[in-house]
Amino acid sequence: MTDTPSDGTRHETGPESPASRRPPLPVVVLAGLVAIEGLGLVVAGLVQTVEVFFQDHAMPFGAIVIMSLLYIGYGLWLLGAARSITKGSLWPRALILLTQVFLIVILLQMISAWGLFLALLPVAYGALVGILLFSSPVQNHLLRANDLPERR
């Protein structure tokens, strides 16, 4: 269905128009979880940058600043991935999956330092993101947004 306003332009308003396509709830939840990770990295990078001026560190100043910039850059990349996944872009899938694999591998090594319960909470978080990433609603949203046939 199309509407023709008085200026003569035509606008799609039917159920299949791009303006009416909202991502399903699992896509929004996935994007929110990825955005939380991205914000966490940006905040960690900013805090680490500020702390380098006020506290003594074992690492050299330059190494801490470079590490902070990596945190901030990776966090911004994750924020972009969260936004793009809601729009149906395919590129964020690999970044999101790789981030969860890194999260789980690093945290499994932290079990002895943090204790089983504290280390398994972020592992569960990473697993939830991974499960959502490969869920049917998310996959169908991405396929539909790229004019590919949906899975049944």
Protein backbone atom coordinates (compact mmCIF):
# COMPACT_ATOMS: atom_id res chain seq x y z
CA MET A 1 0.00 0.00 0.00
CA THR A 2 1.29 3.47 -0.86
CA ASP A 3 0.27 6.93 0.21
CA THR A 4 0.50 9.87 -2.14
CA PRO A 5 0.68 13.15 -0.22
CA SER A 6 -0.21 16.47 -1.79
CA ASP A 7 3.38 16.99 -3.01
CA GLY A 8 3.04 13.99 -5.36
CA THR A 9 5.66 11.76 -3.70
CA ARG A 10 4.85 8.18 -2.85
CA HIS A 11 5.67 6.57 0.49
CA GLU A 12 5.48 2.91 1.46
CA THR A 13 3.22 2.41 4.48
CA GLY A 14 2.23 -1.24 4.30
CA PRO A 15 3.28 -3.99 6.69
CA GLU A 16 6.34 -4.76 4.57
CA SER A 17 7.66 -1.20 4.28
CA PRO A 18 11.14 -0.55 5.72
CA ALA A 19 9.75 1.96 8.22
CA SER A 20 7.39 -0.62 9.71
CA ARG A 21 9.98 -3.42 10.01
CA ARG A 22 11.00 -3.51 13.63
CA PRO A 23 13.60 -6.01 14.74
CA PRO A 24 12.19 -8.87 16.80
CA LEU A 25 12.74 -8.90 20.56
CA PRO A 26 15.68 -11.38 20.47
CA VAL A 27 17.52 -9.01 18.08
CA VAL A 28 16.91 -6.06 20.42
CA VAL A 29 18.07 -8.10 23.45
CA LEU A 30 21.18 -9.24 21.56
CA ALA A 31 21.98 -5.68 20.51
CA GLY A 32 21.51 -4.50 24.10
CA LEU A 33 23.85 -7.14 25.50
CA VAL A 34 26.51 -6.33 22.90
CA ALA A 35 26.09 -2.61 23.59
CA ILE A 36 26.63 -3.25 27.31
CA GLU A 37 29.91 -4.99 26.47
CA GLY A 38 30.92 -2.11 24.22
CA LEU A 39 30.08 0.51 26.84
CA GLY A 40 31.98 -1.49 29.44
CA LEU A 41 35.11 -1.49 27.29
CA VAL A 42 34.84 2.23 26.54
CA VAL A 43 34.40 3.05 30.23
CA ALA A 44 37.29 0.74 31.20
CA GLY A 45 39.52 2.41 28.63
CA LEU A 46 38.61 5.89 29.84
CA VAL A 47 39.09 4.98 33.51
CA GLN A 48 42.43 3.35 32.76
CA THR A 49 43.54 6.45 30.84
CA VAL A 50 42.62 8.76 33.71
CA GLU A 51 44.18 6.49 36.34
CA VAL A 52 47.55 6.48 34.57
CA PHE A 53 47.97 10.12 35.58
CA PHE A 54 47.10 9.59 39.26
CA GLN A 55 48.46 6.16 40.23
CA ASP A 56 51.75 4.34 39.95
CA HIS A 57 51.75 1.39 37.55
CA ALA A 58 54.14 -1.45 36.84
CA MET A 59 53.60 -1.02 33.10
CA PRO A 60 55.10 1.90 31.18
CA PHE A 61 52.92 4.96 30.53
CA GLY A 62 52.83 4.41 26.76
CA ALA A 63 51.74 0.78 27.08
CA ILE A 64 48.83 1.74 29.34
CA VAL A 65 47.69 4.48 26.95
CA ILE A 66 47.86 2.12 23.96
CA MET A 67 45.92 -0.52 25.90
CA SER A 68 43.32 2.09 26.81
CA LEU A 69 42.97 3.15 23.18
CA LEU A 70 42.50 -0.48 22.18
CA TYR A 71 39.73 -0.87 24.79
CA ILE A 72 38.01 2.29 23.61
CA GLY A 73 38.33 1.38 19.93
CA TYR A 74 37.08 -2.17 20.43
CA GLY A 75 34.22 -0.88 22.59
CA LEU A 76 33.17 1.59 19.90
CA TRP A 77 33.37 -1.20 17.33
CA LEU A 78 31.05 -3.32 19.48
CA LEU A 79 28.64 -0.39 19.84
CA GLY A 80 28.60 -0.09 16.06
CA ALA A 81 27.99 -3.82 15.77
CA ALA A 82 25.05 -3.60 18.18
CA ARG A 83 23.49 -0.83 16.12
CA SER A 84 24.16 -2.58 12.82
CA ILE A 85 22.71 -5.91 13.92
CA THR A 86 19.34 -4.23 14.56
CA LYS A 87 19.47 -2.78 11.05
CA GLY A 88 20.14 -6.24 9.59
CA SER A 89 23.81 -5.97 8.65
CA LEU A 90 25.65 -9.25 8.40
CA TRP A 91 29.16 -8.01 9.27
CA PRO A 92 28.68 -7.85 13.08
CA ARG A 93 28.11 -11.59 13.45
CA ALA A 94 31.78 -12.54 13.33
CA LEU A 95 32.81 -9.72 15.66
CA ILE A 96 30.11 -10.61 18.20
CA LEU A 97 30.93 -14.31 18.09
CA LEU A 98 34.69 -13.74 18.38
CA THR A 99 34.14 -11.40 21.34
CA GLN A 100 32.13 -14.06 23.17
CA VAL A 101 34.77 -16.72 22.47
CA PHE A 102 37.46 -14.40 23.88
CA LEU A 103 35.26 -13.65 26.90
CA ILE A 104 34.68 -17.32 27.68
CA VAL A 105 38.32 -18.39 27.12
CA ILE A 106 39.71 -15.59 29.29
CA LEU A 107 37.17 -16.13 32.07
CA LEU A 108 37.72 -19.87 32.19
CA GLN A 109 41.33 -19.06 33.03
CA MET A 110 40.15 -16.68 35.78
CA ILE A 111 38.24 -19.36 37.71
CA SER A 112 41.13 -19.94 40.10
CA ALA A 113 41.49 -16.21 40.84
CA TRP A 114 37.81 -15.23 40.99
CA GLY A 115 36.19 -18.43 42.14
CA LEU A 116 33.84 -20.62 40.17
CA PHE A 117 30.66 -18.60 40.68
CA LEU A 118 32.09 -15.18 39.75
CA ALA A 119 33.82 -16.54 36.66
CA LEU A 120 30.79 -18.49 35.44
CA LEU A 121 28.45 -15.47 35.46
CA PRO A 122 30.24 -13.75 32.54
CA VAL A 123 30.64 -17.13 30.83
CA ALA A 124 26.84 -17.54 31.02
CA TYR A 125 26.50 -14.00 29.63
CA GLY A 126 28.75 -14.88 26.68
CA ALA A 127 26.88 -18.12 26.11
CA LEU A 128 23.54 -16.26 26.11
CA VAL A 129 24.84 -13.81 23.50
CA GLY A 130 26.10 -16.72 21.39
CA ILE A 131 22.78 -18.55 21.64
CA LEU A 132 20.85 -15.40 20.72
CA LEU A 133 23.19 -14.76 17.79
CA PHE A 134 22.30 -18.11 16.25
CA SER A 135 18.61 -18.14 17.20
CA SER A 136 16.01 -18.38 14.44
CA PRO A 137 14.49 -14.91 15.04
CA VAL A 138 17.91 -13.23 14.75
CA GLN A 139 18.94 -15.27 11.71
CA ASN A 140 15.61 -14.64 9.97
CA HIS A 141 15.85 -10.92 10.72
CA LEU A 142 19.31 -10.79 9.13
CA LEU A 143 18.24 -12.87 6.13
CA ARG A 144 15.07 -10.82 5.60
CA ALA A 145 16.99 -7.53 5.82
CA ASN A 146 19.37 -8.72 3.09
CA ASP A 147 16.63 -10.04 0.79
CA LEU A 148 17.65 -13.65 1.36
CA PRO A 149 15.17 -16.50 1.89
CA GLU A 150 14.31 -17.15 5.53
CA ARG A 151 14.99 -20.46 7.24
CA ARG A 152 12.01 -22.55 8.20
